Amino acid sequence: MNQNAGTAISGYTGSQGEVDASPRHPSTAASGISGWLISGAFHVLMLLIMYGIYWVVNVPKNETPPVHPHPYLAPERKPDPPVKKPLDAEKIVIPVEADTTVVTLDPVVLPELTDPTTTSENNVVDSTVRGDPNAIADTPMGTEGFNKATGPGSGDAGQTGNGLGGLRRDRGGPRGGPPGMRKHVDSALRWFKKHQSANGMWDAVSFYRNCTQEPKCEPGAEAHGGPANYDVAMTAYALLCFLGDGYDHVTPSRYRSVVSRGVNYLVSVQKADGYLGERNYEHAVATAALCEAYVMGNDPSLHDPALKAVQQILAHENRDGAAADGAESSSAASTGMGWDYATPGQRNDSSVSGWNVMALKDALAAGLVGSEALAGPKHWLDIVWKKTNPDWAKLDVYTGESRFPYTYQSDSAATEIAAAPGPKQPGPNDHDLTCVGATCAVFLGHHAGDPMLETMSNYIVNHYAPTSWPTNIYYMYYNTMTMFQVGGEKWKLWNGAIRDVLVKSQRTGDDCFAGSWDWSPNSFIGGETGRVLTTAYACLCLEVYWRYKRE
């Protein structure tokens, strides 16, 4: 082995390339090793110092770890979308609506394709929403106004509609009623539109002059009062038909100007004290229309007119002065009762009282009165029904029948009612107001299963189911509202009868008559008034599927 190679490993080469092969002293080697250790330790120390300086100078940022929502926690709420300013209805131009006296109408016979219905009897759909969809809803006031407070069968609170609502008054979403029923209602509304006077009213006598089509309808009559009564009443009836189908005077629609002119007419003829017309009957119908328009249109300008009208209803309510009725009249003379046609007294007319009860229910929905306003009518209903049916406590709710009179005298407890019909025989055509009593029972808190409501509805089904036209449309109007609320087999029987009679008897074509119903002066008291009143009652019957909430 080369010796130089071996020494080169343990030695080092000098500057001249010579190898220093001389042996090293042990102390020298030890000092070399300790030098390396000191150097290493120094460098390590310097690295640690520099590393410490780095972390002192550069403080690391604390990053928030990603948050994984707990599966049972609600997700983070997204920001609310920007609130859009409400549309100014008055600045919206509706091409199909012209505020002119003479209107050229589309054909009255509506093609089936324009009526988007389904095959389900209880699922008629209309995608066009008109009116405030919450106005006729399930609470007494605010944007959820009408349904709950106005609804029949709801005690102190609760109104209208499987439907208007309740009373469902919006036209969007599922609605009850046989397929195609809306077509017949809209045909009636078209008829009202083309017969409205330029000042916004519906004239009971000369309405036909407002229509441009031929042949023209026959004139009506002012059978029970002058123009001050009939112009107010016919206008209110027509407005209730539009409002009942979801059309108000504010929301843009093809009928907005029609409803607006009608509402303005009522306000224009209202007296300073709030009274409308000359009698409590017409006043109550007009008050109901104002209250519904106030709520559905969310129109503050109607607050005072509606409130004044309601105050007049309360001011004209009879007081219970009967001392002859013992325990049933043990309440003080200040207890309210029903209404008569004029000033408060002892005569309680069921026909007049019925419309005042319905107007007060609308006022309750509008927040214009509290539930205490219905205490008097409830008292009247209970006393009169029990007096008319002395064996009321023994009535069977399944088979028993009870009735309600035309009038009741508070001071003598005397009732006026037509003779009862025989089994399965048609009921009397007047002076039997079981139809009104049953409807008031619904509006004043009596539900299905209640002896008063069930036994009166038994009487109605057994004696008043219509079979042909013309019929007593006044009775049909009240009875249809009642039967819808009772429901079950009674409603199925009633619905099958009135639906076919009304649909088949409505006038069709493209003349002045199209959309209306023929009338008979002998069909009911007031029937001689004519086509406007008969058509209004028939249209309101067809709206029962969605107008009032089934409780």
Protein backbone atom coordinates (compact mmCIF):
# COMPACT_ATOMS: atom_id res chain seq x y z
CA MET A 1 0.00 0.00 0.00
CA ASN A 2 1.30 3.49 -0.75
CA GLN A 3 2.56 5.10 2.46
CA ASN A 4 1.95 8.62 1.27
CA ALA A 5 -1.64 7.81 0.67
CA GLY A 6 -2.03 6.57 4.23
CA THR A 7 -0.49 9.64 5.79
CA ALA A 8 -2.52 11.97 3.61
CA ILE A 9 -5.60 10.80 5.41
CA SER A 10 -4.36 11.62 8.89
CA GLY A 11 -2.30 14.72 8.01
CA TYR A 12 -2.69 17.80 5.79
CA THR A 13 -0.80 19.27 2.92
CA GLY A 14 1.29 22.30 3.53
CA SER A 15 1.54 25.30 1.33
CA GLN A 16 4.38 23.74 -0.59
CA GLY A 17 2.57 20.48 -1.11
CA GLU A 18 4.66 18.66 1.45
CA VAL A 19 3.10 16.31 3.84
CA ASP A 20 3.58 16.93 7.50
CA ALA A 21 4.05 13.45 8.80
CA SER A 22 5.26 14.42 12.23
CA PRO A 23 3.29 12.89 15.12
CA ARG A 24 0.85 15.21 17.05
CA HIS A 25 0.89 15.84 20.75
CA PRO A 26 -2.19 14.58 22.67
CA SER A 27 -2.98 18.03 24.13
CA THR A 28 -3.08 19.54 20.70
CA ALA A 29 -5.71 17.01 19.51
CA ALA A 30 -7.93 17.62 22.51
CA SER A 31 -7.87 21.35 22.00
CA GLY A 32 -8.98 20.83 18.40
CA ILE A 33 -11.99 18.79 19.39
CA SER A 34 -13.13 21.29 22.01
CA GLY A 35 -12.80 24.05 19.46
CA TRP A 36 -15.18 22.26 17.16
CA LEU A 37 -17.62 21.73 20.01
CA ILE A 38 -17.50 25.37 21.02
CA SER A 39 -17.97 26.43 17.42
CA GLY A 40 -20.90 24.09 17.00
CA ALA A 41 -22.52 25.24 20.20
CA PHE A 42 -22.03 28.87 19.19
CA HIS A 43 -23.67 28.32 15.82
CA VAL A 44 -26.55 26.47 17.37
CA LEU A 45 -27.01 29.28 19.84
CA MET A 46 -26.90 31.85 17.08
CA LEU A 47 -29.52 29.90 15.09
CA LEU A 48 -31.79 29.75 18.11
CA ILE A 49 -31.39 33.48 18.72
CA MET A 50 -32.11 34.25 15.07
CA TYR A 51 -35.13 31.92 15.09
CA GLY A 52 -36.44 33.62 18.21
CA ILE A 53 -35.95 37.04 16.66
CA TYR A 54 -37.88 35.85 13.59
CA TRP A 55 -40.92 34.75 15.63
CA VAL A 56 -40.79 37.92 17.72
CA VAL A 57 -40.74 40.14 14.67
CA ASN A 58 -43.12 38.09 12.47
CA VAL A 59 -46.14 37.25 14.65
CA PRO A 60 -48.18 34.61 12.86
CA LYS A 61 -51.77 35.50 12.12
CA ASN A 62 -54.50 33.54 13.90
CA GLU A 63 -56.59 32.05 11.11
CA THR A 64 -60.17 31.14 11.90
CA PRO A 65 -60.69 27.49 11.15
CA PRO A 66 -63.49 26.70 8.73
CA VAL A 67 -66.81 26.40 10.51
CA HIS A 68 -68.87 23.33 9.79
CA PRO A 69 -72.42 23.94 10.86
CA HIS A 70 -73.86 21.49 13.26
CA PRO A 71 -76.42 19.38 11.45
CA TYR A 72 -79.10 20.42 13.96
CA LEU A 73 -78.39 24.12 13.72
CA ALA A 74 -80.18 26.36 11.26
CA PRO A 75 -77.99 27.59 8.40
CA GLU A 76 -76.69 31.10 8.51
CA ARG A 77 -79.43 33.61 7.67
CA LYS A 78 -78.97 35.26 4.31
CA PRO A 79 -79.38 39.02 4.04
CA ASP A 80 -82.92 40.15 3.37
CA PRO A 81 -83.53 41.15 -0.23
CA PRO A 82 -83.99 44.85 -0.85
CA VAL A 83 -87.53 46.03 -0.17
CA LYS A 84 -89.30 47.09 -3.30
CA LYS A 85 -91.43 50.15 -3.17
CA PRO A 86 -95.13 49.36 -3.64
CA LEU A 87 -96.55 50.07 -7.01
CA ASP A 88 -98.61 53.16 -7.37
CA ALA A 89 -101.88 51.65 -8.55
CA GLU A 90 -103.08 54.95 -9.95
CA LYS A 91 -100.05 55.16 -12.28
CA ILE A 92 -100.57 51.72 -13.73
CA VAL A 93 -102.31 51.71 -17.06
CA ILE A 94 -104.37 48.62 -17.74
CA PRO A 95 -105.03 48.42 -21.47
CA VAL A 96 -108.12 46.24 -21.04
CA GLU A 97 -109.80 48.65 -18.62
CA ALA A 98 -111.39 51.82 -19.91
CA ASP A 99 -113.16 54.23 -17.59
CA THR A 100 -115.91 55.07 -20.01
CA THR A 101 -119.62 54.88 -19.71
CA VAL A 102 -120.15 52.70 -22.77
CA VAL A 103 -118.01 49.58 -22.82
CA THR A 104 -117.59 47.18 -25.71
CA LEU A 105 -117.49 43.76 -24.10
CA ASP A 106 -115.80 40.56 -25.08
CA PRO A 107 -118.22 37.77 -25.96
CA VAL A 108 -120.07 36.61 -22.88
CA VAL A 109 -119.86 32.95 -23.82
CA LEU A 110 -116.48 32.05 -22.41
CA PRO A 111 -114.47 29.25 -24.00
CA GLU A 112 -113.52 26.49 -21.63
CA LEU A 113 -109.82 27.02 -22.31
CA THR A 114 -109.91 30.42 -20.60
CA ASP A 115 -110.99 28.78 -17.37
CA PRO A 116 -107.96 26.94 -15.93
CA THR A 117 -109.63 24.33 -13.77
CA THR A 118 -108.77 20.85 -12.70
CA THR A 119 -110.90 17.77 -12.56
CA SER A 120 -111.04 17.89 -8.80
CA GLU A 121 -114.24 19.35 -7.35
CA ASN A 122 -112.30 21.05 -4.59
CA ASN A 123 -109.24 22.18 -6.52
CA VAL A 124 -110.20 24.88 -8.98
CA VAL A 125 -107.07 26.88 -9.69
CA ASP A 126 -106.76 30.48 -10.79
CA SER A 127 -103.25 31.80 -11.18
CA THR A 128 -104.35 35.43 -11.34
CA VAL A 129 -104.34 36.98 -7.90
CA ARG A 130 -106.59 39.98 -7.46
CA GLY A 131 -107.05 41.88 -4.27
CA ASP A 132 -105.03 41.61 -1.12
CA PRO A 133 -104.47 37.86 -0.64
CA ASN A 134 -104.14 38.36 3.11
CA ALA A 135 -106.97 40.79 3.61
CA ILE A 136 -109.57 38.13 3.99
CA ALA A 137 -107.54 35.78 6.06
CA ASP A 138 -107.46 34.22 9.47
CA THR A 139 -107.03 37.08 11.87
CA PRO A 140 -109.27 39.95 12.84
CA MET A 141 -107.16 42.87 11.68
CA GLY A 142 -104.20 44.13 9.65
CA THR A 143 -103.05 42.52 6.44
CA GLU A 144 -104.48 39.22 7.57
CA GLY A 145 -107.88 40.78 8.11
CA PHE A 146 -111.03 39.13 7.04
CA ASN A 147 -111.34 35.42 7.25
CA LYS A 148 -111.04 34.72 10.86
CA ALA A 149 -113.10 37.53 12.21
CA THR A 150 -115.80 37.45 9.61
CA GLY A 151 -116.05 33.76 9.20
CA PRO A 152 -119.18 31.94 9.96
CA GLY A 153 -119.19 29.29 12.60
CA SER A 154 -116.32 30.79 14.48
CA GLY A 155 -117.71 32.15 17.68
CA ASP A 156 -116.24 35.50 18.45
CA ALA A 157 -113.62 35.28 15.77
CA GLY A 158 -113.45 33.42 12.56
CA GLN A 159 -114.86 34.00 9.16
CA THR A 160 -115.07 33.04 5.72
CA GLY A 161 -113.83 30.66 3.40
CA ASN A 162 -112.75 27.36 2.42
CA GLY A 163 -112.55 30.15 0.60
CA LEU A 164 -112.89 35.16 0.54
CA GLY A 165 -111.42 34.06 2.15
CA GLY A 166 -112.06 32.13 4.14
CA LEU A 167 -114.63 34.29 2.93
CA ARG A 168 -110.98 33.32 0.92
CA ARG A 169 -111.00 36.46 -1.17
CA ASP A 170 -107.81 35.92 -3.12
CA ARG A 171 -108.15 34.28 -6.52
CA GLY A 172 -104.80 32.52 -6.48
CA GLY A 173 -104.23 28.94 -5.43
CA PRO A 174 -106.69 26.13 -4.99
CA ARG A 175 -110.31 27.11 -4.67
CA GLY A 176 -113.35 25.03 -4.00
CA GLY A 177 -116.24 24.54 -6.34
CA PRO A 178 -117.13 22.35 -9.29
CA PRO A 179 -114.90 22.65 -12.35
CA GLY A 180 -115.88 25.60 -14.52
CA MET A 181 -117.85 27.38 -11.80
CA ARG A 182 -115.69 30.49 -12.15
CA LYS A 183 -116.86 30.83 -15.72
CA HIS A 184 -120.43 31.30 -14.56
CA VAL A 185 -119.44 33.76 -11.84
CA ASP A 186 -117.38 35.80 -14.27
CA SER A 187 -120.24 35.83 -16.75
CA ALA A 188 -122.42 37.39 -14.04
CA LEU A 189 -119.73 39.98 -13.27
CA ARG A 190 -119.55 40.90 -16.94
CA TRP A 191 -123.30 41.43 -16.91
CA PHE A 192 -123.00 43.76 -13.91
CA LYS A 193 -120.18 45.66 -15.57
CA LYS A 194 -122.12 46.49 -18.72
CA HIS A 195 -125.19 47.57 -16.73
CA GLN A 196 -123.46 49.97 -14.33
CA SER A 197 -124.55 53.60 -14.54
CA ALA A 198 -122.08 56.37 -15.29
CA ASN A 199 -122.20 57.60 -11.68
CA GLY A 200 -121.20 54.16 -10.41
CA MET A 201 -124.55 52.88 -9.14
CA TRP A 202 -126.71 50.01 -10.35
CA ASP A 203 -130.22 51.22 -11.11
CA ALA A 204 -132.90 48.68 -10.18
CA VAL A 205 -135.32 50.04 -12.77
CA SER A 206 -133.35 51.53 -15.68
CA PHE A 207 -130.15 49.46 -15.57
CA TYR A 208 -130.76 48.12 -19.11
CA ARG A 209 -130.19 51.59 -20.62
CA ASN A 210 -126.48 51.31 -19.81
CA CYS A 211 -126.01 48.30 -22.08
CA THR A 212 -125.30 48.70 -25.80
CA GLN A 213 -126.31 45.18 -26.77
CA GLU A 214 -129.62 44.07 -28.21
CA PRO A 215 -132.15 42.83 -27.38
CA LYS A 216 -132.23 44.65 -24.08
CA CYS A 217 -133.29 43.39 -20.68
CA GLU A 218 -136.65 44.37 -19.28
CA PRO A 219 -136.84 47.19 -16.67
CA GLY A 220 -137.04 46.43 -12.99
CA ALA A 221 -139.23 47.96 -10.31
CA GLU A 222 -138.95 49.85 -7.05
CA ALA A 223 -141.33 47.58 -5.23
CA HIS A 224 -140.62 48.48 -1.61
CA GLY A 225 -139.31 52.03 -1.52
CA GLY A 226 -137.94 54.83 -3.65
CA PRO A 227 -134.64 55.34 -5.44
CA ALA A 228 -132.86 56.30 -2.22
CA ASN A 229 -133.32 52.73 -1.02
CA TYR A 230 -133.04 50.72 -4.21
CA ASP A 231 -130.08 52.50 -5.77
CA VAL A 232 -128.10 52.02 -2.58
CA ALA A 233 -129.15 48.41 -2.13
CA MET A 234 -128.59 47.30 -5.75
CA THR A 235 -125.18 48.98 -5.81
CA ALA A 236 -124.18 47.25 -2.59
CA TYR A 237 -125.39 43.85 -3.83
CA ALA A 238 -123.40 44.18 -7.05
CA LEU A 239 -120.28 45.28 -5.18
CA LEU A 240 -120.52 42.27 -2.87
CA CYS A 241 -120.47 40.04 -5.96
CA PHE A 242 -117.21 41.59 -7.18
CA LEU A 243 -115.65 41.65 -3.72
CA GLY A 244 -116.74 38.07 -3.13
CA ASP A 245 -114.75 37.00 -6.16
CA GLY A 246 -111.63 38.86 -5.09
CA TYR A 247 -111.92 42.13 -7.03
CA ASP A 248 -111.38 45.33 -5.05
CA HIS A 249 -111.19 48.99 -6.02
CA VAL A 250 -107.42 49.38 -5.60
CA THR A 251 -105.62 46.39 -7.07
CA PRO A 252 -105.25 46.61 -10.87
CA SER A 253 -107.70 44.31 -12.64
CA ARG A 254 -110.25 44.44 -15.43
CA TYR A 255 -112.94 45.24 -12.86
CA ARG A 256 -111.05 47.75 -10.71
CA SER A 257 -112.71 50.84 -12.18
CA VAL A 258 -116.12 49.17 -11.94
CA VAL A 259 -115.68 48.48 -8.23
CA SER A 260 -114.11 51.90 -7.64
CA ARG A 261 -117.06 53.73 -9.18
CA GLY A 262 -119.48 51.66 -7.14
CA VAL A 263 -117.65 52.34 -3.88
CA ASN A 264 -117.40 56.05 -4.67
CA TYR A 265 -121.13 56.15 -5.33
CA LEU A 266 -121.95 54.72 -1.91
CA VAL A 267 -119.65 57.20 -0.20
CA SER A 268 -121.14 60.08 -2.19
CA VAL A 269 -124.71 59.31 -1.08
CA GLN A 270 -123.84 58.58 2.54
CA LYS A 271 -125.40 61.06 4.93
CA ALA A 272 -123.38 63.12 7.35
CA ASP A 273 -124.26 60.82 10.25
CA GLY A 274 -123.13 57.76 8.26
CA TYR A 275 -126.53 56.43 7.22
CA LEU A 276 -127.00 54.92 3.76
CA GLY A 277 -130.47 54.85 2.23
CA GLU A 278 -133.66 55.26 4.23
CA ARG A 279 -134.07 51.94 6.04
CA ASN A 280 -132.01 49.61 8.20
CA TYR A 281 -132.21 46.87 5.57
CA GLU A 282 -130.51 48.72 2.70
CA HIS A 283 -128.17 50.45 5.13
CA ALA A 284 -126.89 47.09 6.41
CA VAL A 285 -126.21 45.72 2.91
CA ALA A 286 -124.29 48.88 1.98
CA THR A 287 -122.36 48.82 5.27
CA ALA A 288 -121.23 45.26 4.57
CA ALA A 289 -119.97 46.35 1.13
CA LEU A 290 -118.05 49.32 2.56
CA CYS A 291 -116.43 47.20 5.28
CA GLU A 292 -115.32 44.56 2.79
CA ALA A 293 -113.97 47.16 0.36
CA TYR A 294 -112.12 48.89 3.23
CA VAL A 295 -110.36 45.68 4.24
CA MET A 296 -109.73 44.18 0.81
CA GLY A 297 -108.46 47.42 -0.70
CA ASN A 298 -106.51 48.32 2.44
CA ASP A 299 -107.91 51.78 1.80
CA PRO A 300 -107.65 54.20 4.75
CA SER A 301 -109.98 56.66 3.02
CA LEU A 302 -112.84 54.21 3.65
CA HIS A 303 -112.20 53.92 7.37
CA ASP A 304 -114.42 56.80 8.43
CA PRO A 305 -117.31 56.06 6.02
CA ALA A 306 -117.32 52.42 7.11
CA LEU A 307 -117.03 53.30 10.80
CA LYS A 308 -119.87 55.81 10.66
CA ALA A 309 -122.07 53.28 8.90
CA VAL A 310 -121.32 50.67 11.57
CA GLN A 311 -122.09 53.15 14.33
CA GLN A 312 -125.51 53.69 12.79
CA ILE A 313 -126.17 49.94 12.89
CA LEU A 314 -125.42 49.90 16.61
CA ALA A 315 -127.51 53.01 17.18
CA HIS A 316 -130.54 51.42 15.51
CA GLU A 317 -130.32 48.09 17.33
CA ASN A 318 -133.36 47.14 19.41
CA ARG A 319 -133.05 46.69 23.15
CA ASP A 320 -134.56 43.82 25.06
CA GLY A 321 -137.50 45.28 26.99
CA ALA A 322 -139.38 42.02 27.46
CA ALA A 323 -140.51 41.35 31.00
CA ALA A 324 -142.95 38.68 29.94
CA ASP A 325 -140.36 36.11 29.02
CA GLY A 326 -139.22 35.23 32.51
CA ALA A 327 -135.79 33.75 32.96
CA GLU A 328 -134.94 33.92 29.28
CA SER A 329 -135.17 37.71 29.42
CA SER A 330 -133.61 38.11 32.84
CA SER A 331 -130.88 40.25 31.32
CA ALA A 332 -131.32 43.97 31.78
CA ALA A 333 -133.24 46.14 29.34
CA SER A 334 -129.92 47.37 28.02
CA THR A 335 -129.27 44.01 26.35
CA GLY A 336 -129.25 44.30 22.58
CA MET A 337 -131.59 42.38 20.31
CA GLY A 338 -132.31 42.46 16.58
CA TRP A 339 -133.39 45.22 14.19
CA ASP A 340 -136.52 46.56 12.57
CA TYR A 341 -136.74 48.63 9.38
CA ALA A 342 -136.66 52.03 11.10
CA THR A 343 -136.09 53.29 14.64
CA PRO A 344 -135.39 50.93 17.54
CA GLY A 345 -138.47 49.37 19.09
CA GLN A 346 -139.97 46.06 20.19
CA ARG A 347 -140.39 44.51 16.71
CA ASN A 348 -137.44 42.36 15.65
CA ASP A 349 -137.58 41.63 11.92
CA SER A 350 -135.51 38.56 11.05
CA SER A 351 -134.88 39.65 7.46
CA VAL A 352 -133.54 43.04 8.53
CA SER A 353 -131.62 41.53 11.44
CA GLY A 354 -129.89 38.98 9.21
CA TRP A 355 -128.16 41.60 7.07
CA ASN A 356 -127.21 43.65 10.14
CA VAL A 357 -125.58 40.60 11.71
CA MET A 358 -123.54 39.99 8.55
CA ALA A 359 -122.54 43.66 8.39
CA LEU A 360 -121.35 43.54 12.00
CA LYS A 361 -119.28 40.44 11.23
CA ASP A 362 -117.63 42.35 8.39
CA ALA A 363 -117.07 45.27 10.78
CA LEU A 364 -115.46 42.91 13.28
CA ALA A 365 -113.13 41.67 10.54
CA ALA A 366 -112.27 45.26 9.70
CA GLY A 367 -111.42 46.04 13.32
CA LEU A 368 -114.19 48.62 13.52
CA VAL A 369 -115.97 46.88 16.42
CA GLY A 370 -115.10 44.36 19.09
CA SER A 371 -116.75 41.00 19.66
CA GLU A 372 -119.04 42.59 22.25
CA ALA A 373 -120.97 44.15 19.36
CA LEU A 374 -122.36 40.69 18.64
CA ALA A 375 -123.64 40.09 22.17
CA GLY A 376 -127.06 41.58 21.38
CA PRO A 377 -127.59 39.53 18.20
CA LYS A 378 -126.57 36.37 20.06
CA HIS A 379 -129.10 37.18 22.75
CA TRP A 380 -131.78 37.79 20.11
CA LEU A 381 -131.00 34.54 18.27
CA ASP A 382 -131.13 32.42 21.41
CA ILE A 383 -134.36 33.89 22.80
CA VAL A 384 -136.25 33.84 19.50
CA TRP A 385 -135.22 30.30 18.56
CA LYS A 386 -136.20 28.89 21.95
CA LYS A 387 -139.50 30.75 21.93
CA THR A 388 -140.32 29.46 18.44
CA ASN A 389 -139.37 25.89 19.37
CA PRO A 390 -140.65 25.26 22.93
CA ASP A 391 -139.39 21.66 22.91
CA TRP A 392 -135.93 22.66 21.75
CA ALA A 393 -134.20 20.73 24.54
CA LYS A 394 -135.72 17.45 23.29
CA LEU A 395 -134.77 17.84 19.63
CA ASP A 396 -132.71 15.10 18.02
CA VAL A 397 -129.83 16.63 16.06
CA TYR A 398 -130.10 13.90 13.41
CA THR A 399 -133.83 13.88 12.73
CA GLY A 400 -135.34 16.82 14.60
CA GLU A 401 -136.50 19.99 12.86
CA SER A 402 -136.64 23.53 14.20
CA ARG A 403 -137.69 26.83 12.65
CA PHE A 404 -137.20 30.58 12.94
CA PRO A 405 -139.92 33.25 12.67
CA TYR A 406 -140.41 36.30 10.51
CA THR A 407 -140.78 38.63 13.51
CA TYR A 408 -140.47 38.59 17.28
CA GLN A 409 -141.93 41.13 19.71
CA SER A 410 -139.60 41.80 22.62
CA ASP A 411 -142.32 43.18 24.89
CA SER A 412 -144.82 40.33 24.43
CA ALA A 413 -142.59 37.46 23.22
CA ALA A 414 -145.02 36.99 20.31
CA THR A 415 -143.70 35.44 17.10
CA GLU A 416 -144.98 35.64 13.53
CA ILE A 417 -144.32 32.59 11.40
CA ALA A 418 -146.11 30.74 8.60
CA ALA A 419 -147.74 27.38 9.26
CA ALA A 420 -145.34 24.46 9.28
CA PRO A 421 -145.35 22.22 6.20
CA GLY A 422 -146.13 18.53 6.32
CA PRO A 423 -143.41 15.88 6.15
CA LYS A 424 -141.33 16.27 2.98
CA GLN A 425 -143.66 19.02 1.74
CA PRO A 426 -142.29 22.31 0.34
CA GLY A 427 -141.90 25.00 2.95
CA PRO A 428 -143.84 28.25 2.88
CA ASN A 429 -142.57 30.94 0.53
CA ASP A 430 -142.70 33.79 3.02
CA HIS A 431 -142.98 34.54 6.74
CA ASP A 432 -140.73 31.60 7.48
CA LEU A 433 -137.22 32.89 8.08
CA THR A 434 -135.50 29.67 9.11
CA CYS A 435 -133.03 30.44 6.35
CA VAL A 436 -131.96 33.63 8.14
CA GLY A 437 -131.97 32.07 11.59
CA ALA A 438 -129.68 29.27 10.43
CA THR A 439 -127.25 31.65 8.73
CA CYS A 440 -127.13 33.87 11.82
CA ALA A 441 -126.43 30.76 13.90
CA VAL A 442 -123.42 30.11 11.68
CA PHE A 443 -122.14 33.68 11.92
CA LEU A 444 -122.71 33.88 15.65
CA GLY A 445 -120.69 30.85 16.65
CA HIS A 446 -122.83 27.72 16.25
CA HIS A 447 -120.94 24.85 14.66
CA ALA A 448 -121.86 21.59 12.99
CA GLY A 449 -123.27 19.28 15.65
CA ASP A 450 -124.92 22.13 17.52
CA PRO A 451 -128.66 21.42 18.12
CA MET A 452 -129.80 24.84 16.91
CA LEU A 453 -127.83 24.69 13.66
CA GLU A 454 -128.41 21.01 12.95
CA THR A 455 -132.17 21.01 13.49
CA MET A 456 -132.72 24.15 11.42
CA SER A 457 -130.56 22.67 8.65
CA ASN A 458 -132.61 19.45 8.83
CA TYR A 459 -135.73 21.54 8.22
CA ILE A 460 -134.09 23.34 5.29
CA VAL A 461 -132.96 20.14 3.57
CA ASN A 462 -136.34 18.50 4.03
CA HIS A 463 -138.45 21.41 2.79
CA TYR A 464 -136.41 23.89 0.72
CA ALA A 465 -134.09 21.99 -1.63
CA PRO A 466 -134.70 23.65 -5.06
CA THR A 467 -135.70 21.49 -7.99
CA SER A 468 -136.33 24.02 -10.78
CA TRP A 469 -136.06 27.66 -11.83
CA PRO A 470 -137.46 30.16 -10.99
CA THR A 471 -137.17 29.55 -7.27
CA ASN A 472 -137.04 31.57 -4.07
CA ILE A 473 -133.52 32.88 -4.66
CA TYR A 474 -133.64 34.87 -1.41
CA TYR A 475 -134.10 31.65 0.57
CA MET A 476 -131.52 29.89 -1.60
CA TYR A 477 -128.89 32.53 -0.84
CA TYR A 478 -129.14 32.13 2.92
CA ASN A 479 -129.65 28.37 2.84
CA THR A 480 -126.61 27.82 0.62
CA MET A 481 -124.34 29.66 3.06
CA THR A 482 -125.73 27.58 5.91
CA MET A 483 -125.45 24.23 4.15
CA PHE A 484 -121.89 24.89 3.07
CA GLN A 485 -120.95 25.40 6.72
CA VAL A 486 -122.84 22.34 7.93
CA GLY A 487 -121.07 20.21 5.31
CA GLY A 488 -121.32 16.44 5.13
CA GLU A 489 -124.20 14.67 3.44
CA LYS A 490 -126.51 17.65 3.81
CA TRP A 491 -124.14 19.82 1.82
CA LYS A 492 -123.68 17.14 -0.85
CA LEU A 493 -127.42 16.93 -1.36
CA TRP A 494 -127.89 20.68 -1.33
CA ASN A 495 -124.91 21.39 -3.57
CA GLY A 496 -126.07 18.92 -6.18
CA ALA A 497 -129.46 20.61 -6.31
CA ILE A 498 -128.51 24.28 -6.40
CA ARG A 499 -125.49 23.86 -8.67
CA ASP A 500 -127.48 22.35 -11.50
CA VAL A 501 -130.42 24.73 -11.09
CA LEU A 502 -128.23 27.85 -11.13
CA VAL A 503 -125.88 26.81 -13.92
CA LYS A 504 -128.60 25.63 -16.27
CA SER A 505 -130.79 28.69 -15.73
CA GLN A 506 -128.12 31.36 -16.31
CA ARG A 507 -128.67 33.25 -19.56
CA THR A 508 -126.05 32.73 -22.26
CA GLY A 509 -125.41 34.26 -25.66
CA ASP A 510 -124.12 37.65 -26.72
CA ASP A 511 -127.06 39.88 -25.92
CA CYS A 512 -128.01 42.17 -23.05
CA PHE A 513 -129.30 39.24 -20.97
CA ALA A 514 -126.14 37.11 -21.10
CA GLY A 515 -124.77 36.30 -17.63
CA SER A 516 -127.96 37.16 -15.74
CA TRP A 517 -130.84 35.10 -14.37
CA ASP A 518 -134.51 35.50 -15.27
CA TRP A 519 -136.77 36.51 -12.42
CA SER A 520 -140.29 35.98 -11.29
CA PRO A 521 -142.23 38.58 -9.28
CA ASN A 522 -143.81 35.83 -7.19
CA SER A 523 -140.70 33.83 -6.38
CA PHE A 524 -140.00 35.72 -3.15
CA ILE A 525 -140.91 38.94 -1.38
CA GLY A 526 -138.89 41.54 -3.26
CA GLY A 527 -138.62 39.37 -6.37
CA GLU A 528 -140.52 41.97 -8.34
CA THR A 529 -137.49 44.22 -8.00
CA GLY A 530 -136.19 42.41 -11.04
CA ARG A 531 -133.07 41.18 -12.75
CA VAL A 532 -130.39 43.06 -10.79
CA LEU A 533 -131.41 41.66 -7.42
CA THR A 534 -132.05 38.14 -8.70
CA THR A 535 -128.70 38.03 -10.50
CA ALA A 536 -126.87 39.29 -7.42
CA TYR A 537 -128.33 36.60 -5.16
CA ALA A 538 -127.60 33.88 -7.75
CA CYS A 539 -123.99 35.05 -8.19
CA LEU A 540 -123.44 35.16 -4.41
CA CYS A 541 -124.74 31.59 -4.20
CA LEU A 542 -122.14 30.44 -6.74
CA GLU A 543 -119.35 32.17 -4.78
CA VAL A 544 -120.12 30.22 -1.59
CA TYR A 545 -117.39 27.70 -2.45
CA TRP A 546 -114.65 30.25 -1.78
CA ARG A 547 -116.39 33.22 -0.19
CA TYR A 548 -116.72 31.99 3.39
CA LYS A 549 -114.37 29.81 5.36
CA ARG A 550 -115.75 26.49 6.48
CA GLU A 551 -115.12 26.17 10.20
